[in-house]
Amino acid sequence: MAITTDLIREKLIAEIGAVHVDVEDTSPNRCAASFKVLVVSPQFEGKPLLQRHRMVNTCLAEELKEIHAFEQKTLTPEQWEKQKHSDTHTHIHSMTIQ
């Protein structure tokens, strides 16, 4: 089975209960060898970063056998909301300075 951004997204939603998933194929030729993901799930609540990453790695264990590089960021819904607000504020601030 070919590894696609959609496959990764669907597995994370189904198995980790992710409420938001961004998946980017970061391979030079988009050849599905390298991925970067942002996963937002209430199941991460109260869990340390290492445990969150292990959850993602377990979910994608078969796919990771064929992926050469995998970068992940894992957030709770509350952390995601704070980050979105912070990113928006930073963007608006930088636009105002120019």
Protein backbone atom coordinates (compact mmCIF):
# COMPACT_ATOMS: atom_id res chain seq x y z
CA MET A 1 0.00 0.00 0.00
CA ALA A 2 1.35 3.43 -0.94
CA ILE A 3 1.83 5.85 1.92
CA THR A 4 -0.03 9.10 1.32
CA THR A 5 -0.78 12.18 3.36
CA ASP A 6 -4.45 11.14 3.34
CA LEU A 7 -3.63 7.66 4.68
CA ILE A 8 -1.59 9.11 7.54
CA ARG A 9 -4.30 11.68 8.35
CA GLU A 10 -7.09 9.08 8.32
CA LYS A 11 -5.20 6.67 10.59
CA LEU A 12 -4.43 9.38 13.14
CA ILE A 13 -8.05 10.52 13.20
CA ALA A 14 -9.39 6.97 13.53
CA GLU A 15 -6.88 5.56 16.02
CA ILE A 16 -5.89 8.54 18.17
CA GLY A 17 -9.12 10.50 17.95
CA ALA A 18 -7.33 13.47 16.40
CA VAL A 19 -9.53 16.53 15.96
CA HIS A 20 -7.00 18.26 13.69
CA VAL A 21 -4.21 16.77 11.57
CA ASP A 22 -1.82 18.52 9.18
CA VAL A 23 0.36 16.20 7.11
CA GLU A 24 3.03 17.44 4.74
CA ASP A 25 5.13 15.29 2.42
CA THR A 26 8.55 16.90 2.89
CA SER A 27 10.38 14.59 0.47
CA PRO A 28 12.35 16.47 -2.21
CA ASN A 29 10.21 15.00 -5.01
CA ARG A 30 7.10 14.36 -2.89
CA CYS A 31 7.94 10.66 -3.07
CA ALA A 32 6.43 9.77 0.34
CA ALA A 33 9.77 9.18 2.04
CA SER A 34 9.61 12.06 4.51
CA PHE A 35 6.66 13.54 6.39
CA LYS A 36 5.94 16.31 8.88
CA VAL A 37 2.74 16.07 10.95
CA LEU A 38 0.82 18.18 13.44
CA VAL A 39 -1.62 16.10 15.48
CA VAL A 40 -4.19 17.61 17.86
CA SER A 41 -6.01 15.10 20.08
CA PRO A 42 -7.80 15.18 23.42
CA GLN A 43 -6.13 11.81 24.11
CA PHE A 44 -2.84 13.71 24.62
CA GLU A 45 -4.30 15.50 27.67
CA GLY A 46 -2.07 14.95 30.73
CA LYS A 47 0.50 12.92 28.80
CA PRO A 48 4.16 13.93 28.46
CA LEU A 49 5.60 14.63 25.02
CA LEU A 50 7.41 11.29 24.79
CA GLN A 51 4.22 9.35 25.49
CA ARG A 52 2.33 11.39 22.86
CA HIS A 53 5.00 10.64 20.26
CA ARG A 54 4.91 6.97 21.15
CA MET A 55 1.14 6.97 20.58
CA VAL A 56 1.65 8.42 17.09
CA ASN A 57 4.52 6.04 16.35
CA THR A 58 2.41 3.04 17.43
CA CYS A 59 -0.49 4.20 15.28
CA LEU A 60 1.78 4.52 12.24
CA ALA A 61 4.09 1.58 12.99
CA GLU A 62 3.62 -0.12 9.60
CA GLU A 63 3.99 3.14 7.66
CA LEU A 64 7.12 4.15 9.60
CA LYS A 65 8.88 1.02 8.32
CA GLU A 66 8.85 2.63 4.86
CA ILE A 67 9.28 6.30 5.82
CA HIS A 68 12.84 7.64 6.01
CA ALA A 69 12.17 10.80 8.02
CA PHE A 70 9.23 11.65 10.27
CA GLU A 71 8.77 14.88 12.21
CA GLN A 72 5.82 15.27 14.55
CA LYS A 73 4.25 17.90 16.76
CA THR A 74 1.56 16.75 19.18
CA LEU A 75 -0.84 19.11 20.95
CA THR A 76 -3.98 18.95 23.05
CA PRO A 77 -6.96 20.95 21.74
CA GLU A 78 -6.29 23.60 24.41
CA GLN A 79 -2.63 23.92 23.37
CA TRP A 80 -3.70 24.13 19.71
CA GLU A 81 -6.12 27.00 20.45
CA LYS A 82 -3.42 28.90 22.35
CA GLN A 83 -0.91 28.37 19.53
CA LYS A 84 -3.38 29.51 16.87
CA HIS A 85 -4.12 32.65 18.88
CA SER A 86 -0.41 33.26 19.42
CA ASP A 87 0.42 32.72 15.73
CA THR A 88 -2.38 35.10 14.68
CA HIS A 89 -1.26 37.72 17.18
CA THR A 90 2.36 37.43 16.03
CA HIS A 91 1.32 37.71 12.37
CA ILE A 92 -0.83 40.78 13.02
CA HIS A 93 1.92 42.32 15.13
CA SER A 94 4.53 41.81 12.42
CA MET A 95 2.20 43.27 9.82
CA THR A 96 1.69 46.35 11.97
CA ILE A 97 5.41 46.95 12.38
CA GLN A 98 6.14 46.98 8.66
